[in-house]
Amino acid sequence: PEEANPFLDKLDKEIIYNDNRILNAFAATNQYHRVLEIWQKRVENNPQSITNRQSLVASYLLLGEWNKATEELNKIIELDPSKKEQIEFAIQEIRAGRGKN
């Protein structure tokens, strides 16, 4: 997987950020920092997308970045207040350390 990185580094970043095949390849090879980078860019490009933000939260959790995951969950509540109760429960679980490896 790492051997492919020089090739990918030469690709247009927009291709990398928008191609789910590349995203899935990074995830399948445990390159979660690259997965995170893609979801950050997708949220930057489409800040109203709750789906993108949820995937960004999942990336933060995979990398153990609990505070960033919680911050992003709060942004989802701002976008869709109907999810507040469900998300606040998830935040409590994260803060309690449940779901950590």
Protein backbone atom coordinates (compact mmCIF):
# COMPACT_ATOMS: atom_id res chain seq x y z
CA PRO A 1 0.00 0.00 0.00
CA GLU A 2 2.71 2.51 0.86
CA GLU A 3 4.45 1.80 -2.48
CA ALA A 4 1.46 3.31 -4.25
CA ASN A 5 1.69 6.60 -2.40
CA PRO A 6 4.23 8.28 -4.73
CA PHE A 7 1.89 7.58 -7.63
CA LEU A 8 -1.12 8.89 -5.73
CA ASP A 9 0.80 11.98 -4.67
CA LYS A 10 1.14 12.88 -8.35
CA LEU A 11 -2.61 12.64 -8.99
CA ASP A 12 -4.73 15.76 -8.95
CA LYS A 13 -5.95 16.18 -5.36
CA GLU A 14 -9.50 16.71 -6.59
CA ILE A 15 -9.46 13.22 -8.11
CA ILE A 16 -8.27 11.75 -4.82
CA TYR A 17 -10.82 13.71 -2.79
CA ASN A 18 -13.77 12.76 -4.98
CA ASP A 19 -13.09 9.17 -6.02
CA ASN A 20 -14.66 6.66 -3.65
CA ARG A 21 -12.45 3.90 -5.05
CA ILE A 22 -9.38 5.69 -3.73
CA LEU A 23 -11.10 6.39 -0.40
CA ASN A 24 -12.04 2.72 -0.08
CA ALA A 25 -8.51 1.61 -0.98
CA PHE A 26 -7.06 3.81 1.77
CA ALA A 27 -9.58 2.43 4.27
CA ALA A 28 -8.93 -1.17 3.21
CA THR A 29 -5.20 -0.68 3.75
CA ASN A 30 -5.64 1.05 7.13
CA GLN A 31 -4.37 4.40 5.86
CA TYR A 32 -6.79 6.24 8.11
CA HIS A 33 -4.91 9.55 8.05
CA ARG A 34 -5.49 9.68 4.30
CA VAL A 35 -9.14 8.71 4.80
CA LEU A 36 -9.41 11.55 7.31
CA GLU A 37 -7.86 14.00 4.85
CA ILE A 38 -10.44 13.05 2.22
CA TRP A 39 -13.40 13.46 4.59
CA GLN A 40 -12.04 16.80 5.83
CA LYS A 41 -11.85 18.04 2.24
CA ARG A 42 -15.33 16.74 1.43
CA VAL A 43 -16.76 18.54 4.46
CA GLU A 44 -14.89 21.70 3.47
CA ASN A 45 -16.38 21.46 -0.03
CA ASN A 46 -19.89 20.62 1.21
CA PRO A 47 -20.30 21.78 4.82
CA GLN A 48 -24.05 21.12 4.83
CA SER A 49 -23.62 17.38 4.17
CA ILE A 50 -24.44 15.47 7.32
CA THR A 51 -23.35 12.23 5.68
CA ASN A 52 -19.87 13.63 5.03
CA ARG A 53 -19.67 14.93 8.60
CA GLN A 54 -20.71 11.53 9.99
CA SER A 55 -17.92 9.91 8.00
CA LEU A 56 -15.51 12.52 9.30
CA VAL A 57 -16.59 11.64 12.86
CA ALA A 58 -15.94 7.97 12.14
CA SER A 59 -12.46 8.82 10.85
CA TYR A 60 -11.67 10.83 13.96
CA LEU A 61 -12.82 7.94 16.14
CA LEU A 62 -10.68 5.43 14.23
CA LEU A 63 -7.67 7.66 14.89
CA GLY A 64 -8.56 8.16 18.56
CA GLU A 65 -9.26 11.87 18.13
CA TRP A 66 -12.19 11.90 20.55
CA ASN A 67 -12.41 15.67 21.05
CA LYS A 68 -12.48 16.39 17.32
CA ALA A 69 -15.16 13.72 16.86
CA THR A 70 -17.23 15.35 19.59
CA GLU A 71 -16.80 18.82 18.04
CA GLU A 72 -17.96 17.49 14.70
CA LEU A 73 -20.97 15.79 16.28
CA ASN A 74 -21.98 19.13 17.77
CA LYS A 75 -21.81 20.66 14.29
CA ILE A 76 -24.19 17.96 13.07
CA ILE A 77 -26.65 18.97 15.81
CA GLU A 78 -26.46 22.56 14.54
CA LEU A 79 -27.29 21.36 11.02
CA ASP A 80 -30.05 18.97 12.10
CA PRO A 81 -31.44 19.61 15.58
CA SER A 82 -33.75 16.59 15.23
CA LYS A 83 -30.66 14.41 15.78
CA LYS A 84 -29.74 16.13 19.06
CA GLU A 85 -30.85 13.40 21.48
CA GLN A 86 -29.20 10.60 19.52
CA ILE A 87 -25.96 12.54 19.06
CA GLU A 88 -25.79 13.68 22.68
CA PHE A 89 -26.02 10.02 23.69
CA ALA A 90 -23.13 9.21 21.32
CA ILE A 91 -21.09 12.07 22.80
CA GLN A 92 -21.69 10.70 26.31
CA GLU A 93 -20.53 7.28 25.16
CA ILE A 94 -17.36 8.75 23.65
CA ARG A 95 -16.63 10.76 26.80
CA ALA A 96 -17.20 7.65 28.93
CA GLY A 97 -14.62 5.79 26.85
CA ARG A 98 -17.01 3.23 25.47
CA GLY A 99 -16.16 1.99 22.02
CA LYS A 100 -12.45 2.67 22.35
CA ASN A 101 -10.10 -0.17 21.52
